[in-house]
Amino acid sequence: MVTVKVEGEKKDHKVFLYTLSTCGWCKKTKQFLKDNDIEYEYLDIDNCTPEERADAIKDIKARRAPVGFPLGIIDGETLISGYKPDEYKERLGL
């Protein structure tokens, strides 16, 4: 899977997003992280091969997360489903 890394000054936490390239809430989440100078990586599920998409969905289900987008994973543990800037602020100490 090819993920996209967005550079940021704040690197205290590892932030990863599963997103869709056409999703407005996904775009808002990416912009929120960028506006707050948070470094993160993301994977646009709809731009993956069928095999990569299946692997991503398998990972999401293994985490017992809803298959919905955006899905944020902070430090490999904390899950944030949907556009929830207040939860990101709390979890990232903003």
N, C-alpha and C. Protein backbone atom coordinates (compact mmCIF):
# COMPACT_ATOMS: atom_id res chain seq x y z
N MET A 1 0.84 -1.18 0.00
CA MET A 1 0.00 0.00 0.00
C MET A 1 0.88 1.24 0.00
N VAL A 2 0.49 2.17 -0.80
CA VAL A 2 1.24 3.42 -0.87
C VAL A 2 0.49 4.47 -0.07
N THR A 3 1.13 4.90 1.02
CA THR A 3 0.53 5.95 1.83
C THR A 3 1.17 7.28 1.47
N VAL A 4 0.47 8.35 1.79
CA VAL A 4 0.97 9.69 1.55
C VAL A 4 1.34 10.30 2.89
N LYS A 5 2.55 10.83 2.99
CA LYS A 5 2.99 11.46 4.23
C LYS A 5 2.89 12.98 4.07
N VAL A 6 2.26 13.60 5.05
CA VAL A 6 2.13 15.06 5.07
C VAL A 6 3.02 15.55 6.21
N GLU A 7 4.02 16.32 5.86
CA GLU A 7 4.97 16.82 6.86
C GLU A 7 4.30 17.84 7.78
N GLY A 8 4.75 17.87 9.01
CA GLY A 8 4.27 18.84 9.98
C GLY A 8 5.30 19.00 11.07
N GLU A 9 5.25 20.11 11.77
CA GLU A 9 6.19 20.38 12.86
C GLU A 9 5.91 19.50 14.08
N LYS A 10 4.64 19.18 14.30
CA LYS A 10 4.26 18.40 15.48
C LYS A 10 4.29 16.92 15.14
N LYS A 11 5.27 16.22 15.75
CA LYS A 11 5.50 14.81 15.45
C LYS A 11 5.44 13.96 16.71
N ASP A 12 4.80 14.47 17.76
CA ASP A 12 4.74 13.76 19.04
C ASP A 12 3.97 12.46 18.95
N HIS A 13 3.01 12.40 18.03
CA HIS A 13 2.15 11.23 17.88
C HIS A 13 2.20 10.76 16.44
N LYS A 14 2.03 9.45 16.27
CA LYS A 14 1.92 8.90 14.93
C LYS A 14 0.44 8.93 14.56
N VAL A 15 0.11 9.68 13.52
CA VAL A 15 -1.28 9.83 13.10
C VAL A 15 -1.42 9.23 11.70
N PHE A 16 -2.37 8.32 11.57
CA PHE A 16 -2.64 7.67 10.29
C PHE A 16 -4.14 7.77 10.02
N LEU A 17 -4.49 8.06 8.77
CA LEU A 17 -5.89 8.17 8.37
C LEU A 17 -6.21 7.21 7.23
N TYR A 18 -7.32 6.53 7.35
CA TYR A 18 -7.94 5.86 6.21
C TYR A 18 -8.98 6.83 5.70
N THR A 19 -8.91 7.16 4.42
CA THR A 19 -9.81 8.16 3.86
C THR A 19 -10.29 7.74 2.47
N LEU A 20 -11.20 8.55 1.95
CA LEU A 20 -11.63 8.46 0.55
C LEU A 20 -11.28 9.79 -0.11
N SER A 21 -10.79 9.75 -1.32
CA SER A 21 -10.35 10.97 -2.00
C SER A 21 -11.51 11.93 -2.29
N THR A 22 -12.72 11.42 -2.37
CA THR A 22 -13.88 12.24 -2.70
C THR A 22 -14.71 12.66 -1.50
N CYS A 23 -14.31 12.26 -0.32
CA CYS A 23 -15.09 12.48 0.91
C CYS A 23 -14.82 13.87 1.48
N GLY A 24 -15.87 14.66 1.63
CA GLY A 24 -15.73 16.01 2.19
C GLY A 24 -15.23 16.00 3.63
N TRP A 25 -15.73 15.05 4.44
CA TRP A 25 -15.29 14.98 5.84
C TRP A 25 -13.83 14.55 5.94
N CYS A 26 -13.41 13.70 5.01
CA CYS A 26 -11.99 13.29 4.97
C CYS A 26 -11.11 14.49 4.65
N LYS A 27 -11.54 15.29 3.68
CA LYS A 27 -10.79 16.49 3.31
C LYS A 27 -10.71 17.47 4.48
N LYS A 28 -11.81 17.61 5.21
CA LYS A 28 -11.82 18.51 6.37
C LYS A 28 -10.87 18.01 7.46
N THR A 29 -10.83 16.70 7.67
CA THR A 29 -9.94 16.13 8.68
C THR A 29 -8.48 16.37 8.29
N LYS A 30 -8.16 16.12 7.02
CA LYS A 30 -6.79 16.37 6.53
C LYS A 30 -6.42 17.84 6.70
N GLN A 31 -7.34 18.72 6.37
CA GLN A 31 -7.08 20.16 6.48
C GLN A 31 -6.90 20.58 7.93
N PHE A 32 -7.71 20.00 8.82
CA PHE A 32 -7.57 20.29 10.25
C PHE A 32 -6.17 19.93 10.74
N LEU A 33 -5.71 18.74 10.39
CA LEU A 33 -4.37 18.30 10.81
C LEU A 33 -3.30 19.21 10.21
N LYS A 34 -3.47 19.55 8.95
CA LYS A 34 -2.50 20.43 8.29
C LYS A 34 -2.49 21.82 8.93
N ASP A 35 -3.67 22.36 9.21
CA ASP A 35 -3.78 23.69 9.83
C ASP A 35 -3.13 23.71 11.21
N ASN A 36 -3.13 22.57 11.89
CA ASN A 36 -2.53 22.48 13.22
C ASN A 36 -1.10 21.96 13.18
N ASP A 37 -0.55 21.87 11.97
CA ASP A 37 0.85 21.50 11.74
C ASP A 37 1.21 20.13 12.30
N ILE A 38 0.24 19.19 12.21
CA ILE A 38 0.43 17.82 12.67
C ILE A 38 0.96 16.98 11.51
N GLU A 39 2.04 16.27 11.73
CA GLU A 39 2.52 15.34 10.71
C GLU A 39 1.62 14.11 10.71
N TYR A 40 1.23 13.64 9.54
CA TYR A 40 0.37 12.47 9.45
C TYR A 40 0.56 11.76 8.12
N GLU A 41 0.07 10.54 8.06
CA GLU A 41 0.04 9.76 6.83
C GLU A 41 -1.41 9.38 6.57
N TYR A 42 -1.72 9.20 5.28
CA TYR A 42 -3.07 8.76 4.95
C TYR A 42 -3.05 7.82 3.76
N LEU A 43 -4.14 7.09 3.64
CA LEU A 43 -4.36 6.18 2.52
C LEU A 43 -5.77 6.42 2.01
N ASP A 44 -5.86 6.85 0.76
CA ASP A 44 -7.16 7.00 0.11
C ASP A 44 -7.58 5.62 -0.39
N ILE A 45 -8.51 5.01 0.30
CA ILE A 45 -8.94 3.64 0.01
C ILE A 45 -9.44 3.50 -1.43
N ASP A 46 -10.13 4.52 -1.93
CA ASP A 46 -10.70 4.43 -3.27
C ASP A 46 -9.64 4.49 -4.38
N ASN A 47 -8.42 4.84 -4.04
CA ASN A 47 -7.34 4.87 -5.03
C ASN A 47 -6.44 3.64 -4.96
N CYS A 48 -6.82 2.68 -4.13
CA CYS A 48 -6.03 1.46 -3.96
C CYS A 48 -6.44 0.40 -4.98
N THR A 49 -5.57 -0.59 -5.14
CA THR A 49 -5.93 -1.77 -5.92
C THR A 49 -6.97 -2.55 -5.13
N PRO A 50 -7.71 -3.44 -5.77
CA PRO A 50 -8.68 -4.25 -5.02
C PRO A 50 -8.04 -5.04 -3.87
N GLU A 51 -6.83 -5.53 -4.08
CA GLU A 51 -6.14 -6.29 -3.05
C GLU A 51 -5.76 -5.38 -1.87
N GLU A 52 -5.25 -4.19 -2.17
CA GLU A 52 -4.89 -3.23 -1.12
C GLU A 52 -6.13 -2.79 -0.34
N ARG A 53 -7.21 -2.57 -1.07
CA ARG A 53 -8.47 -2.16 -0.43
C ARG A 53 -8.93 -3.25 0.53
N ALA A 54 -8.86 -4.50 0.10
CA ALA A 54 -9.27 -5.62 0.96
C ALA A 54 -8.38 -5.69 2.20
N ASP A 55 -7.08 -5.47 2.04
CA ASP A 55 -6.16 -5.48 3.19
C ASP A 55 -6.50 -4.35 4.17
N ALA A 56 -6.81 -3.17 3.63
CA ALA A 56 -7.15 -2.02 4.48
C ALA A 56 -8.43 -2.30 5.26
N ILE A 57 -9.44 -2.82 4.58
CA ILE A 57 -10.71 -3.14 5.25
C ILE A 57 -10.49 -4.22 6.32
N LYS A 58 -9.63 -5.18 6.01
CA LYS A 58 -9.30 -6.23 6.99
C LYS A 58 -8.65 -5.62 8.23
N ASP A 59 -7.74 -4.67 8.01
CA ASP A 59 -7.09 -4.00 9.14
C ASP A 59 -8.10 -3.21 9.97
N ILE A 60 -8.99 -2.51 9.31
CA ILE A 60 -10.01 -1.73 10.01
C ILE A 60 -10.88 -2.65 10.87
N LYS A 61 -11.32 -3.75 10.27
CA LYS A 61 -12.17 -4.70 11.02
C LYS A 61 -11.41 -5.35 12.17
N ALA A 62 -10.14 -5.63 11.97
CA ALA A 62 -9.33 -6.23 13.04
C ALA A 62 -9.21 -5.30 14.24
N ARG A 63 -9.29 -4.00 13.98
CA ARG A 63 -9.25 -3.00 15.05
C ARG A 63 -10.61 -2.80 15.70
N ARG A 64 -11.60 -3.52 15.18
CA ARG A 64 -12.98 -3.40 15.65
C ARG A 64 -13.52 -1.99 15.49
N ALA A 65 -13.12 -1.39 14.39
CA ALA A 65 -13.57 -0.03 14.07
C ALA A 65 -14.67 -0.11 13.02
N PRO A 66 -15.54 0.89 12.98
CA PRO A 66 -16.54 0.92 11.92
C PRO A 66 -15.86 1.17 10.58
N VAL A 67 -16.35 0.53 9.54
CA VAL A 67 -15.80 0.77 8.21
C VAL A 67 -16.48 2.02 7.67
N GLY A 68 -15.94 3.15 8.06
CA GLY A 68 -16.43 4.46 7.65
C GLY A 68 -15.25 5.39 7.57
N PHE A 69 -15.44 6.48 6.88
CA PHE A 69 -14.31 7.38 6.62
C PHE A 69 -14.69 8.82 6.93
N PRO A 70 -13.72 9.56 7.46
CA PRO A 70 -12.35 9.18 7.76
C PRO A 70 -12.26 8.34 9.04
N LEU A 71 -11.20 7.56 9.10
CA LEU A 71 -10.88 6.82 10.31
C LEU A 71 -9.46 7.18 10.68
N GLY A 72 -9.30 7.82 11.83
CA GLY A 72 -7.99 8.21 12.32
C GLY A 72 -7.48 7.20 13.33
N ILE A 73 -6.19 6.90 13.24
CA ILE A 73 -5.55 5.99 14.18
C ILE A 73 -4.36 6.74 14.77
N ILE A 74 -4.39 6.96 16.06
CA ILE A 74 -3.32 7.72 16.73
C ILE A 74 -2.47 6.76 17.55
N ASP A 75 -1.19 6.78 17.29
CA ASP A 75 -0.22 5.92 17.98
C ASP A 75 -0.59 4.44 17.90
N GLY A 76 -1.24 4.06 16.81
CA GLY A 76 -1.58 2.66 16.59
C GLY A 76 -2.68 2.13 17.47
N GLU A 77 -3.27 2.98 18.32
CA GLU A 77 -4.24 2.50 19.30
C GLU A 77 -5.56 3.26 19.27
N THR A 78 -5.49 4.57 19.45
CA THR A 78 -6.70 5.37 19.58
C THR A 78 -7.37 5.55 18.23
N LEU A 79 -8.65 5.24 18.17
CA LEU A 79 -9.41 5.36 16.93
C LEU A 79 -10.37 6.53 17.01
N ILE A 80 -10.41 7.31 15.94
CA ILE A 80 -11.38 8.39 15.83
C ILE A 80 -12.11 8.21 14.51
N SER A 81 -13.40 7.93 14.59
CA SER A 81 -14.20 7.69 13.40
C SER A 81 -15.02 8.94 13.07
N GLY A 82 -14.85 9.43 11.86
CA GLY A 82 -15.58 10.62 11.42
C GLY A 82 -14.77 11.88 11.63
N TYR A 83 -15.38 13.01 11.27
CA TYR A 83 -14.73 14.31 11.43
C TYR A 83 -15.02 14.81 12.84
N LYS A 84 -14.03 14.72 13.72
CA LYS A 84 -14.20 15.09 15.13
C LYS A 84 -12.98 15.88 15.60
N PRO A 85 -12.88 17.15 15.21
CA PRO A 85 -11.71 17.94 15.57
C PRO A 85 -11.48 18.03 17.07
N ASP A 86 -12.55 18.06 17.87
CA ASP A 86 -12.37 18.15 19.32
C ASP A 86 -11.68 16.91 19.88
N GLU A 87 -12.00 15.74 19.32
CA GLU A 87 -11.33 14.52 19.77
C GLU A 87 -9.86 14.53 19.37
N TYR A 88 -9.56 15.01 18.17
CA TYR A 88 -8.15 15.13 17.75
C TYR A 88 -7.41 16.10 18.67
N LYS A 89 -8.04 17.22 19.00
CA LYS A 89 -7.41 18.19 19.90
C LYS A 89 -7.07 17.55 21.23
N GLU A 90 -8.03 16.81 21.78
CA GLU A 90 -7.82 16.16 23.08
C GLU A 90 -6.73 15.10 23.00
N ARG A 91 -6.80 14.22 22.03
CA ARG A 91 -5.85 13.11 21.92
C ARG A 91 -4.44 13.57 21.55
N LEU A 92 -4.35 14.69 20.81
CA LEU A 92 -3.04 15.18 20.36
C LEU A 92 -2.49 16.30 21.23
N GLY A 93 -3.25 16.67 22.26
CA GLY A 93 -2.80 17.71 23.18
C GLY A 93 -2.70 19.09 22.55
N LEU A 94 -3.66 19.42 21.72
CA LEU A 94 -3.66 20.72 21.04
C LEU A 94 -4.39 21.77 21.87
